[in-house]
Amino acid sequence: PHGASTFDKAARQAPEEYLKMYAGELRAQYKALVTQLDDAVGAILGELRQQGLEENTLVVFTSDNGGTGAANNGGLRGAKAQLFEGGVRAPMIARWPGKIPKGTVNSDPASTLELFPTFVGVAGARAPAGVKLDGFDLLPALEGRERRPRADMYWQRRGDKAARVGRWKWVESERGRGLFDLEADVGEQRDLSA
C-alpha cells in the first residue's frame, strides 16, 4: 500500500468497509489497504479461473522498492529511497499454472527491467529490429530451466551509489558505505572493504 497519491494528503485511501474491519486498531489504514489489495488480487485470480484463462495467463505481483522507514523489511538494512537491500530488494511473486512449478523460490537478482522482455517473450513476440531491451526474459528462470543471466546491477540516486556483482555489493551513500557479501550477510552489517 502506498500513501496518498492525491493532492489531498489527508484523503482516505481505503474504502469505509475495509476501515471498519480494523476500527480502533493501530495502523488501521495500512491493514485496511492490505486487506483491500488481497481481495482485489483474489478477485482477479477468480475472474481468470472463471473465464478459463488461468492456465494461459502469467500473473506477476511485485513492488518497485523496499518498504518505507516505518515498514518491516525483515532484517534488511535501509528502506525506500536508500541503496541498501532494504531499499532495493523487493519480493516478486509469479504464477502461471503448468509453466511455473508451485512453491519454488528463486533468489537470483533481477529488476523490473525484466518485466517487459518477459511479457514480450510470453506473447511470442520480438522486439523490433534494432531495439535492444534493457532487461531479459525471466520465464526460463521462473520455469526452473536456467538461471537468470543478470550477474550485476548498478544504482545511483542523487549522490548515493551502489553496485552488485554476484554475491558482492558495494554501497557509498550518506547513510553509510561498505562492501558486503550478500550470501553471508544479506542485512549488510559487516563491511568487508578493509
N, C-alpha and C. Protein backbone atom coordinates (compact mmCIF):
# COMPACT_ATOMS: atom_id res chain seq x y z
N PRO A 1 0.83 -1.20 0.00
CA PRO A 1 0.00 0.00 0.00
C PRO A 1 0.87 1.25 0.00
N HIS A 2 0.40 2.22 -0.66
CA HIS A 2 1.14 3.47 -0.80
C HIS A 2 0.38 4.58 -0.10
N GLY A 3 1.10 5.57 0.40
CA GLY A 3 0.46 6.74 0.99
C GLY A 3 -0.35 7.48 -0.05
N ALA A 4 -1.03 8.49 0.37
CA ALA A 4 -1.90 9.25 -0.52
C ALA A 4 -1.15 9.74 -1.75
N SER A 5 -1.70 9.48 -2.90
CA SER A 5 -1.12 9.93 -4.15
C SER A 5 -1.92 11.10 -4.74
N THR A 6 -2.80 11.65 -3.95
CA THR A 6 -3.62 12.77 -4.39
C THR A 6 -3.08 14.06 -3.80
N PHE A 7 -3.64 15.15 -4.20
CA PHE A 7 -3.23 16.42 -3.62
C PHE A 7 -3.71 16.54 -2.18
N ASP A 8 -4.78 15.84 -1.86
CA ASP A 8 -5.32 15.84 -0.50
C ASP A 8 -4.65 14.72 0.29
N LYS A 9 -3.56 15.03 0.98
CA LYS A 9 -2.80 14.01 1.70
C LYS A 9 -3.58 13.41 2.86
N ALA A 10 -4.62 14.05 3.31
CA ALA A 10 -5.44 13.52 4.39
C ALA A 10 -6.55 12.61 3.87
N ALA A 11 -6.68 12.52 2.54
CA ALA A 11 -7.75 11.71 1.95
C ALA A 11 -7.58 10.25 2.34
N ARG A 12 -8.69 9.60 2.65
CA ARG A 12 -8.64 8.17 2.96
C ARG A 12 -8.38 7.40 1.67
N GLN A 13 -7.53 6.44 1.75
CA GLN A 13 -7.22 5.62 0.59
C GLN A 13 -8.05 4.34 0.57
N ALA A 14 -8.39 3.81 1.73
CA ALA A 14 -9.17 2.57 1.81
C ALA A 14 -10.65 2.89 1.96
N PRO A 15 -11.51 2.12 1.32
CA PRO A 15 -12.95 2.32 1.48
C PRO A 15 -13.40 2.05 2.92
N GLU A 16 -14.51 2.65 3.29
CA GLU A 16 -15.03 2.54 4.66
C GLU A 16 -15.23 1.10 5.10
N GLU A 17 -15.70 0.23 4.20
CA GLU A 17 -15.95 -1.17 4.58
C GLU A 17 -14.68 -1.85 5.09
N TYR A 18 -13.53 -1.49 4.54
CA TYR A 18 -12.27 -2.07 4.99
C TYR A 18 -11.77 -1.39 6.26
N LEU A 19 -11.97 -0.10 6.36
CA LEU A 19 -11.56 0.62 7.57
C LEU A 19 -12.32 0.11 8.79
N LYS A 20 -13.60 -0.24 8.62
CA LYS A 20 -14.41 -0.76 9.73
C LYS A 20 -13.85 -2.06 10.29
N MET A 21 -13.21 -2.86 9.44
CA MET A 21 -12.64 -4.13 9.89
C MET A 21 -11.56 -3.94 10.95
N TYR A 22 -10.91 -2.77 10.93
CA TYR A 22 -9.78 -2.54 11.82
C TYR A 22 -9.99 -1.30 12.70
N ALA A 23 -11.23 -0.93 12.91
CA ALA A 23 -11.55 0.26 13.70
C ALA A 23 -10.88 0.19 15.07
N GLY A 24 -10.21 1.25 15.43
CA GLY A 24 -9.57 1.36 16.74
C GLY A 24 -8.21 0.68 16.84
N GLU A 25 -7.80 -0.04 15.81
CA GLU A 25 -6.51 -0.73 15.85
C GLU A 25 -5.38 0.19 15.39
N LEU A 26 -4.19 -0.11 15.86
CA LEU A 26 -3.00 0.59 15.41
C LEU A 26 -2.79 0.29 13.93
N ARG A 27 -2.45 1.26 13.14
CA ARG A 27 -2.19 1.12 11.70
C ARG A 27 -3.41 0.60 10.94
N ALA A 28 -4.60 1.04 11.35
CA ALA A 28 -5.85 0.58 10.74
C ALA A 28 -5.87 0.87 9.24
N GLN A 29 -5.43 2.05 8.84
CA GLN A 29 -5.43 2.42 7.41
C GLN A 29 -4.57 1.45 6.61
N TYR A 30 -3.39 1.14 7.12
CA TYR A 30 -2.49 0.22 6.43
C TYR A 30 -3.11 -1.17 6.33
N LYS A 31 -3.64 -1.68 7.43
CA LYS A 31 -4.27 -3.00 7.44
C LYS A 31 -5.45 -3.05 6.48
N ALA A 32 -6.22 -1.99 6.44
CA ALA A 32 -7.37 -1.92 5.53
C ALA A 32 -6.90 -1.97 4.08
N LEU A 33 -5.82 -1.25 3.77
CA LEU A 33 -5.30 -1.25 2.41
C LEU A 33 -4.78 -2.62 2.01
N VAL A 34 -4.09 -3.30 2.93
CA VAL A 34 -3.58 -4.64 2.64
C VAL A 34 -4.74 -5.61 2.38
N THR A 35 -5.77 -5.53 3.20
CA THR A 35 -6.93 -6.41 3.02
C THR A 35 -7.64 -6.12 1.70
N GLN A 36 -7.80 -4.84 1.38
CA GLN A 36 -8.42 -4.46 0.11
C GLN A 36 -7.59 -4.99 -1.07
N LEU A 37 -6.28 -4.85 -0.98
CA LEU A 37 -5.39 -5.33 -2.04
C LEU A 37 -5.51 -6.85 -2.18
N ASP A 38 -5.51 -7.56 -1.05
CA ASP A 38 -5.65 -9.01 -1.07
C ASP A 38 -6.96 -9.43 -1.74
N ASP A 39 -8.04 -8.76 -1.39
CA ASP A 39 -9.33 -9.06 -2.01
C ASP A 39 -9.30 -8.79 -3.51
N ALA A 40 -8.65 -7.70 -3.93
CA ALA A 40 -8.59 -7.35 -5.35
C ALA A 40 -7.80 -8.40 -6.13
N VAL A 41 -6.67 -8.84 -5.58
CA VAL A 41 -5.88 -9.88 -6.26
C VAL A 41 -6.70 -11.17 -6.35
N GLY A 42 -7.37 -11.52 -5.26
CA GLY A 42 -8.22 -12.71 -5.27
C GLY A 42 -9.32 -12.61 -6.32
N ALA A 43 -9.90 -11.43 -6.49
CA ALA A 43 -10.95 -11.24 -7.49
C ALA A 43 -10.40 -11.41 -8.91
N ILE A 44 -9.21 -10.88 -9.14
CA ILE A 44 -8.59 -11.03 -10.47
C ILE A 44 -8.30 -12.50 -10.76
N LEU A 45 -7.71 -13.20 -9.80
CA LEU A 45 -7.41 -14.62 -10.00
C LEU A 45 -8.70 -15.43 -10.20
N GLY A 46 -9.74 -15.08 -9.45
CA GLY A 46 -11.03 -15.74 -9.60
C GLY A 46 -11.63 -15.52 -10.97
N GLU A 47 -11.51 -14.31 -11.47
CA GLU A 47 -12.03 -13.99 -12.81
C GLU A 47 -11.26 -14.74 -13.89
N LEU A 48 -9.95 -14.84 -13.75
CA LEU A 48 -9.16 -15.63 -14.71
C LEU A 48 -9.63 -17.08 -14.73
N ARG A 49 -9.85 -17.63 -13.53
CA ARG A 49 -10.32 -19.01 -13.41
C ARG A 49 -11.69 -19.16 -14.07
N GLN A 50 -12.60 -18.24 -13.76
CA GLN A 50 -13.97 -18.31 -14.29
C GLN A 50 -13.99 -18.19 -15.81
N GLN A 51 -13.10 -17.38 -16.36
CA GLN A 51 -13.05 -17.17 -17.81
C GLN A 51 -12.26 -18.27 -18.53
N GLY A 52 -11.69 -19.22 -17.77
CA GLY A 52 -10.90 -20.29 -18.38
C GLY A 52 -9.53 -19.83 -18.86
N LEU A 53 -9.03 -18.75 -18.29
CA LEU A 53 -7.75 -18.18 -18.73
C LEU A 53 -6.60 -18.45 -17.76
N GLU A 54 -6.87 -19.10 -16.64
CA GLU A 54 -5.87 -19.31 -15.59
C GLU A 54 -4.62 -20.03 -16.11
N GLU A 55 -4.81 -21.06 -16.94
CA GLU A 55 -3.68 -21.87 -17.43
C GLU A 55 -2.91 -21.15 -18.54
N ASN A 56 -3.44 -20.06 -19.04
CA ASN A 56 -2.81 -19.36 -20.15
C ASN A 56 -2.44 -17.92 -19.78
N THR A 57 -2.28 -17.66 -18.47
CA THR A 57 -2.00 -16.30 -18.03
C THR A 57 -0.88 -16.27 -17.01
N LEU A 58 0.13 -15.48 -17.29
CA LEU A 58 1.22 -15.22 -16.34
C LEU A 58 0.79 -14.06 -15.47
N VAL A 59 0.76 -14.26 -14.16
CA VAL A 59 0.42 -13.20 -13.21
C VAL A 59 1.68 -12.86 -12.43
N VAL A 60 2.05 -11.58 -12.39
CA VAL A 60 3.23 -11.12 -11.67
C VAL A 60 2.81 -10.08 -10.65
N PHE A 61 3.31 -10.24 -9.43
CA PHE A 61 3.00 -9.31 -8.34
C PHE A 61 4.32 -8.89 -7.72
N THR A 62 4.60 -7.60 -7.67
CA THR A 62 5.86 -7.13 -7.11
C THR A 62 5.71 -5.70 -6.62
N SER A 63 6.79 -5.18 -6.09
CA SER A 63 6.85 -3.79 -5.64
C SER A 63 7.99 -3.11 -6.38
N ASP A 64 7.99 -1.80 -6.34
CA ASP A 64 9.06 -1.07 -7.03
C ASP A 64 10.24 -0.74 -6.11
N ASN A 65 10.10 -1.02 -4.83
CA ASN A 65 11.18 -0.70 -3.89
C ASN A 65 10.89 -1.37 -2.55
N GLY A 66 11.85 -1.30 -1.65
CA GLY A 66 11.63 -1.80 -0.30
C GLY A 66 10.68 -0.91 0.46
N GLY A 67 10.33 -1.33 1.65
CA GLY A 67 9.38 -0.58 2.46
C GLY A 67 9.93 0.75 2.97
N THR A 68 9.02 1.58 3.43
CA THR A 68 9.41 2.88 3.99
C THR A 68 10.10 2.68 5.33
N GLY A 69 10.53 3.75 5.95
CA GLY A 69 11.20 3.66 7.24
C GLY A 69 10.35 3.02 8.32
N ALA A 70 9.03 3.10 8.21
CA ALA A 70 8.13 2.51 9.21
C ALA A 70 7.84 1.04 8.92
N ALA A 71 8.25 0.56 7.75
CA ALA A 71 7.96 -0.82 7.36
C ALA A 71 8.92 -1.79 8.03
N ASN A 72 8.55 -3.05 8.02
CA ASN A 72 9.41 -4.11 8.49
C ASN A 72 10.04 -4.75 7.27
N ASN A 73 11.31 -4.48 7.02
CA ASN A 73 12.00 -5.02 5.86
C ASN A 73 12.72 -6.32 6.18
N GLY A 74 12.27 -7.00 7.21
CA GLY A 74 12.75 -8.34 7.51
C GLY A 74 14.23 -8.47 7.78
N GLY A 75 14.81 -7.53 8.49
CA GLY A 75 16.23 -7.62 8.82
C GLY A 75 17.15 -7.02 7.77
N LEU A 76 16.59 -6.48 6.71
CA LEU A 76 17.41 -5.84 5.69
C LEU A 76 17.72 -4.41 6.12
N ARG A 77 18.94 -3.99 5.91
CA ARG A 77 19.36 -2.63 6.24
C ARG A 77 18.77 -1.65 5.22
N GLY A 78 18.34 -0.49 5.71
CA GLY A 78 17.84 0.55 4.83
C GLY A 78 16.36 0.44 4.54
N ALA A 79 15.88 1.40 3.74
CA ALA A 79 14.46 1.49 3.41
C ALA A 79 14.31 2.19 2.06
N LYS A 80 13.08 2.41 1.66
CA LYS A 80 12.77 3.09 0.40
C LYS A 80 13.67 4.32 0.22
N ALA A 81 14.13 4.53 -0.99
CA ALA A 81 14.98 5.65 -1.38
C ALA A 81 16.42 5.50 -0.90
N GLN A 82 16.78 4.34 -0.37
CA GLN A 82 18.16 4.05 0.02
C GLN A 82 18.67 2.88 -0.82
N LEU A 83 19.97 2.78 -0.97
CA LEU A 83 20.54 1.75 -1.83
C LEU A 83 20.99 0.50 -1.09
N PHE A 84 20.79 0.45 0.23
CA PHE A 84 20.99 -0.81 0.94
C PHE A 84 19.84 -1.74 0.56
N GLU A 85 19.97 -3.04 0.87
CA GLU A 85 18.99 -4.03 0.43
C GLU A 85 17.56 -3.70 0.86
N GLY A 86 17.37 -3.07 2.01
CA GLY A 86 16.03 -2.71 2.46
C GLY A 86 15.34 -1.71 1.55
N GLY A 87 16.11 -1.02 0.72
CA GLY A 87 15.54 -0.07 -0.22
C GLY A 87 15.39 -0.60 -1.64
N VAL A 88 16.26 -1.54 -2.04
CA VAL A 88 16.23 -2.01 -3.42
C VAL A 88 15.72 -3.44 -3.59
N ARG A 89 15.72 -4.21 -2.53
CA ARG A 89 15.25 -5.61 -2.64
C ARG A 89 13.76 -5.64 -2.35
N ALA A 90 13.02 -6.24 -3.25
CA ALA A 90 11.58 -6.37 -3.09
C ALA A 90 11.16 -7.75 -3.57
N PRO A 91 10.18 -8.35 -2.93
CA PRO A 91 9.74 -9.67 -3.38
C PRO A 91 8.95 -9.57 -4.69
N MET A 92 8.98 -10.65 -5.43
CA MET A 92 8.17 -10.77 -6.63
C MET A 92 7.54 -12.15 -6.61
N ILE A 93 6.27 -12.22 -6.89
CA ILE A 93 5.57 -13.49 -6.99
C ILE A 93 5.10 -13.63 -8.43
N ALA A 94 5.43 -14.76 -9.03
CA ALA A 94 4.98 -15.05 -10.39
C ALA A 94 4.19 -16.35 -10.35
N ARG A 95 3.06 -16.35 -11.05
CA ARG A 95 2.17 -17.53 -11.05
C ARG A 95 1.71 -17.81 -12.47
N TRP A 96 1.93 -19.03 -12.90
CA TRP A 96 1.43 -19.47 -14.19
C TRP A 96 1.29 -20.98 -14.10
N PRO A 97 0.09 -21.44 -13.74
CA PRO A 97 -0.13 -22.89 -13.58
C PRO A 97 0.30 -23.67 -14.82
N GLY A 98 1.04 -24.75 -14.58
CA GLY A 98 1.51 -25.58 -15.68
C GLY A 98 2.82 -25.13 -16.28
N LYS A 99 3.24 -23.91 -16.00
CA LYS A 99 4.51 -23.37 -16.52
C LYS A 99 5.52 -23.17 -15.39
N ILE A 100 5.10 -22.47 -14.33
CA ILE A 100 5.99 -22.19 -13.20
C ILE A 100 5.64 -23.18 -12.09
N PRO A 101 6.60 -24.02 -11.68
CA PRO A 101 6.31 -25.01 -10.63
C PRO A 101 5.87 -24.34 -9.32
N LYS A 102 4.82 -24.90 -8.69
CA LYS A 102 4.31 -24.37 -7.42
C LYS A 102 5.39 -24.39 -6.35
N GLY A 103 5.39 -23.38 -5.50
CA GLY A 103 6.22 -23.36 -4.31
C GLY A 103 7.71 -23.20 -4.54
N THR A 104 8.13 -22.91 -5.76
CA THR A 104 9.57 -22.74 -6.00
C THR A 104 10.01 -21.34 -5.59
N VAL A 105 11.27 -21.24 -5.17
CA VAL A 105 11.85 -19.96 -4.79
C VAL A 105 13.12 -19.78 -5.61
N ASN A 106 13.28 -18.61 -6.18
CA ASN A 106 14.47 -18.28 -6.95
C ASN A 106 15.00 -16.96 -6.40
N SER A 107 16.21 -16.97 -5.91
CA SER A 107 16.80 -15.77 -5.30
C SER A 107 17.80 -15.07 -6.21
N ASP A 108 17.88 -15.47 -7.47
CA ASP A 108 18.78 -14.78 -8.40
C ASP A 108 18.33 -13.33 -8.55
N PRO A 109 19.26 -12.39 -8.67
CA PRO A 109 18.87 -10.99 -8.81
C PRO A 109 18.18 -10.70 -10.14
N ALA A 110 17.22 -9.82 -10.09
CA ALA A 110 16.52 -9.34 -11.27
C ALA A 110 15.97 -7.96 -10.93
N SER A 111 15.42 -7.30 -11.92
CA SER A 111 14.81 -5.99 -11.67
C SER A 111 13.54 -5.87 -12.49
N THR A 112 12.81 -4.80 -12.27
CA THR A 112 11.60 -4.60 -13.06
C THR A 112 11.92 -4.36 -14.54
N LEU A 113 13.19 -4.12 -14.87
CA LEU A 113 13.57 -4.03 -16.28
C LEU A 113 13.29 -5.34 -17.01
N GLU A 114 13.21 -6.44 -16.26
CA GLU A 114 12.96 -7.74 -16.86
C GLU A 114 11.50 -7.97 -17.22
N LEU A 115 10.59 -7.19 -16.68
CA LEU A 115 9.17 -7.45 -16.92
C LEU A 115 8.77 -7.30 -18.39
N PHE A 116 9.13 -6.21 -19.02
CA PHE A 116 8.73 -6.02 -20.42
C PHE A 116 9.28 -7.11 -21.34
N PRO A 117 10.59 -7.43 -21.29
CA PRO A 117 11.08 -8.52 -22.14
C PRO A 117 10.40 -9.86 -21.84
N THR A 118 10.04 -10.09 -20.59
CA THR A 118 9.33 -11.32 -20.24
C THR A 118 7.96 -11.34 -20.89
N PHE A 119 7.22 -10.25 -20.80
CA PHE A 119 5.89 -10.18 -21.40
C PHE A 119 5.96 -10.29 -22.93
N VAL A 120 6.99 -9.70 -23.53
CA VAL A 120 7.18 -9.83 -24.98
C VAL A 120 7.39 -11.29 -25.34
N GLY A 121 8.24 -11.98 -24.56
CA GLY A 121 8.50 -13.40 -24.82
C GLY A 121 7.27 -14.26 -24.60
N VAL A 122 6.53 -14.01 -23.54
CA VAL A 122 5.31 -14.78 -23.25
C VAL A 122 4.30 -14.61 -24.39
N ALA A 123 4.25 -13.42 -24.97
CA ALA A 123 3.31 -13.15 -26.07
C ALA A 123 3.79 -13.75 -27.38
N GLY A 124 5.02 -14.30 -27.40
CA GLY A 124 5.55 -14.87 -28.63
C GLY A 124 6.02 -13.81 -29.61
N ALA A 125 6.26 -12.62 -29.10
CA ALA A 125 6.68 -11.51 -29.96
C ALA A 125 8.20 -11.31 -29.85
N ARG A 126 8.69 -10.37 -30.61
CA ARG A 126 10.10 -9.98 -30.57
C ARG A 126 10.18 -8.46 -30.57
N ALA A 127 11.26 -7.97 -30.00
CA ALA A 127 11.49 -6.51 -30.07
C ALA A 127 11.73 -6.14 -31.53
N PRO A 128 11.32 -4.94 -31.93
CA PRO A 128 11.58 -4.51 -33.31
C PRO A 128 13.07 -4.55 -33.64
N ALA A 129 13.40 -4.77 -34.89
CA ALA A 129 14.78 -4.81 -35.33
C ALA A 129 15.51 -3.54 -34.89
N GLY A 130 16.69 -3.72 -34.34
CA GLY A 130 17.50 -2.59 -33.90
C GLY A 130 17.20 -2.10 -32.50
N VAL A 131 16.15 -2.63 -31.86
CA VAL A 131 15.80 -2.22 -30.50
C VAL A 131 16.41 -3.22 -29.51
N LYS A 132 17.25 -2.70 -28.61
CA LYS A 132 17.85 -3.55 -27.58
C LYS A 132 17.11 -3.28 -26.27
N LEU A 133 16.49 -4.33 -25.74
CA LEU A 133 15.77 -4.19 -24.47
C LEU A 133 16.77 -4.20 -23.32
N ASP A 134 16.51 -3.38 -22.30
CA ASP A 134 17.42 -3.28 -21.17
C ASP A 134 17.41 -4.53 -20.30
N GLY A 135 16.29 -5.21 -20.23
CA GLY A 135 16.17 -6.39 -19.39
C GLY A 135 16.24 -7.67 -20.20
N PHE A 136 15.86 -8.77 -19.58
CA PHE A 136 15.85 -10.07 -20.24
C PHE A 136 14.60 -10.83 -19.85
N ASP A 137 14.30 -11.88 -20.59
CA ASP A 137 13.12 -12.70 -20.36
C ASP A 137 13.34 -13.58 -19.13
N LEU A 138 12.52 -13.38 -18.09
CA LEU A 138 12.62 -14.15 -16.85
C LEU A 138 12.01 -15.54 -16.93
N LEU A 139 11.17 -15.80 -17.91
CA LEU A 139 10.41 -17.04 -17.91
C LEU A 139 11.27 -18.30 -17.81
N PRO A 140 12.37 -18.43 -18.56
CA PRO A 140 13.18 -19.65 -18.40
C PRO A 140 13.67 -19.86 -16.96
N ALA A 141 13.99 -18.81 -16.27
CA ALA A 141 14.43 -18.93 -14.87
C ALA A 141 13.24 -19.26 -13.96
N LEU A 142 12.10 -18.64 -14.21
CA LEU A 142 10.91 -18.91 -13.40
C LEU A 142 10.43 -20.35 -13.59
N GLU A 143 10.60 -20.88 -14.78
CA GLU A 143 10.21 -22.26 -15.06
C GLU A 143 11.22 -23.26 -14.49
N GLY A 144 12.39 -22.76 -14.05
CA GLY A 144 13.43 -23.63 -13.50
C GLY A 144 14.33 -24.24 -14.56
N ARG A 145 14.25 -23.75 -15.79
CA ARG A 145 15.07 -24.30 -16.88
C ARG A 145 16.48 -23.74 -16.89
N GLU A 146 16.68 -22.52 -16.40
CA GLU A 146 18.02 -21.91 -16.38
C GLU A 146 18.06 -20.80 -15.34
N ARG A 147 19.27 -20.40 -15.00
CA ARG A 147 19.45 -19.29 -14.05
C ARG A 147 19.29 -17.98 -14.80
N ARG A 148 18.96 -16.94 -14.05
CA ARG A 148 18.84 -15.62 -14.67
C ARG A 148 20.22 -15.15 -15.14
N PRO A 149 20.27 -14.53 -16.29
CA PRO A 149 21.58 -14.11 -16.81
C PRO A 149 22.14 -12.85 -16.15
N ARG A 150 21.39 -12.18 -15.31
CA ARG A 150 21.89 -10.94 -14.71
C ARG A 150 22.86 -11.27 -13.58
N ALA A 151 24.11 -10.88 -13.73
CA ALA A 151 25.11 -11.12 -12.69
C ALA A 151 25.47 -9.83 -11.96
N ASP A 152 25.12 -8.70 -12.56
CA ASP A 152 25.49 -7.44 -11.92
C ASP A 152 24.35 -6.42 -12.03
N MET A 153 24.34 -5.52 -11.07
CA MET A 153 23.34 -4.46 -11.04
C MET A 153 24.02 -3.19 -10.51
N TYR A 154 23.55 -2.05 -10.99
CA TYR A 154 24.13 -0.77 -10.58
C TYR A 154 23.02 0.21 -10.27
N TRP A 155 23.22 1.01 -9.23
CA TRP A 155 22.22 2.00 -8.83
C TRP A 155 22.91 3.34 -8.57
N GLN A 156 22.18 4.41 -8.83
CA GLN A 156 22.60 5.74 -8.39
C GLN A 156 21.35 6.54 -8.11
N ARG A 157 21.34 7.16 -6.95
CA ARG A 157 20.23 8.03 -6.56
C ARG A 157 20.85 9.25 -5.92
N ARG A 158 20.71 10.35 -6.60
CA ARG A 158 21.37 11.59 -6.16
C ARG A 158 22.85 11.29 -5.96
N GLY A 159 23.41 11.53 -4.77
CA GLY A 159 24.84 11.28 -4.55
C GLY A 159 25.16 9.86 -4.10
N ASP A 160 24.15 9.05 -3.89
CA ASP A 160 24.36 7.67 -3.42
C ASP A 160 24.60 6.74 -4.61
N LYS A 161 25.52 5.78 -4.43
CA LYS A 161 25.85 4.83 -5.48
C LYS A 161 25.97 3.44 -4.88
N ALA A 162 25.66 2.43 -5.69
CA ALA A 162 25.83 1.05 -5.26
C ALA A 162 26.01 0.18 -6.49
N ALA A 163 26.68 -0.95 -6.28
CA ALA A 163 26.88 -1.93 -7.35
C ALA A 163 26.84 -3.32 -6.75
N ARG A 164 26.26 -4.24 -7.50
CA ARG A 164 26.26 -5.64 -7.09
C ARG A 164 26.84 -6.46 -8.23
N VAL A 165 27.81 -7.29 -7.89
CA VAL A 165 28.39 -8.22 -8.84
C VAL A 165 28.39 -9.58 -8.15
N GLY A 166 27.53 -10.48 -8.64
CA GLY A 166 27.40 -11.78 -8.00
C GLY A 166 26.94 -11.62 -6.56
N ARG A 167 27.69 -12.18 -5.64
CA ARG A 167 27.34 -12.11 -4.22
C ARG A 167 27.81 -10.83 -3.53
N TRP A 168 28.62 -10.04 -4.22
CA TRP A 168 29.24 -8.86 -3.61
C TRP A 168 28.46 -7.59 -3.91
N LYS A 169 28.32 -6.75 -2.89
CA LYS A 169 27.64 -5.46 -3.07
C LYS A 169 28.44 -4.37 -2.39
N TRP A 170 28.65 -3.31 -3.14
CA TRP A 170 29.35 -2.12 -2.64
C TRP A 170 28.33 -0.98 -2.56
N VAL A 171 28.36 -0.25 -1.46
CA VAL A 171 27.46 0.90 -1.27
C VAL A 171 28.28 2.09 -0.82
N GLU A 172 28.00 3.24 -1.40
CA GLU A 172 28.59 4.50 -0.96
C GLU A 172 27.46 5.51 -0.88
N SER A 173 27.07 5.86 0.34
CA SER A 173 25.95 6.79 0.49
C SER A 173 26.12 7.61 1.75
N GLU A 174 25.27 8.62 1.88
CA GLU A 174 25.32 9.44 3.09
C GLU A 174 24.86 8.67 4.32
N ARG A 175 24.19 7.54 4.13
CA ARG A 175 23.73 6.69 5.24
C ARG A 175 24.73 5.62 5.62
N GLY A 176 25.82 5.52 4.89
CA GLY A 176 26.84 4.53 5.19
C GLY A 176 27.49 4.03 3.93
N ARG A 177 28.52 3.26 4.12
CA ARG A 177 29.26 2.73 2.98
C ARG A 177 29.85 1.40 3.35
N GLY A 178 30.25 0.66 2.34
CA GLY A 178 30.92 -0.60 2.62
C GLY A 178 30.81 -1.59 1.48
N LEU A 179 31.52 -2.71 1.68
CA LEU A 179 31.48 -3.83 0.76
C LEU A 179 30.91 -5.01 1.54
N PHE A 180 29.89 -5.66 0.97
CA PHE A 180 29.16 -6.70 1.71
C PHE A 180 29.05 -7.98 0.87
N ASP A 181 29.14 -9.11 1.55
CA ASP A 181 28.92 -10.42 0.95
C ASP A 181 27.46 -10.78 1.22
N LEU A 182 26.59 -10.60 0.22
CA LEU A 182 25.16 -10.79 0.43
C LEU A 182 24.77 -12.25 0.71
N GLU A 183 25.59 -13.19 0.31
CA GLU A 183 25.28 -14.59 0.63
C GLU A 183 25.47 -14.86 2.12
N ALA A 184 26.45 -14.23 2.72
CA ALA A 184 26.74 -14.44 4.14
C ALA A 184 26.11 -13.37 5.03
N ASP A 185 25.76 -12.22 4.45
CA ASP A 185 25.32 -11.07 5.24
C ASP A 185 24.32 -10.23 4.45
N VAL A 186 23.11 -10.78 4.24
CA VAL A 186 22.10 -10.07 3.44
C VAL A 186 21.66 -8.78 4.13
N GLY A 187 21.85 -8.68 5.44
CA GLY A 187 21.48 -7.47 6.18
C GLY A 187 22.52 -6.37 6.12
N GLU A 188 23.61 -6.61 5.39
CA GLU A 188 24.69 -5.62 5.17
C GLU A 188 25.17 -5.01 6.48
N GLN A 189 25.54 -5.87 7.41
CA GLN A 189 26.02 -5.41 8.73
C GLN A 189 27.53 -5.45 8.85
N ARG A 190 28.21 -6.29 8.06
CA ARG A 190 29.66 -6.46 8.20
C ARG A 190 30.37 -5.92 6.95
N ASP A 191 30.94 -4.74 7.09
CA ASP A 191 31.69 -4.11 6.00
C ASP A 191 33.01 -4.85 5.82
N LEU A 192 33.25 -5.37 4.63
CA LEU A 192 34.46 -6.12 4.33
C LEU A 192 35.44 -5.33 3.48
N SER A 193 35.20 -4.03 3.32
CA SER A 193 36.02 -3.25 2.41
C SER A 193 37.49 -3.15 2.84
N ALA A 194 37.75 -3.27 4.12
CA ALA A 194 39.15 -3.20 4.58
C ALA A 194 39.93 -4.41 4.07
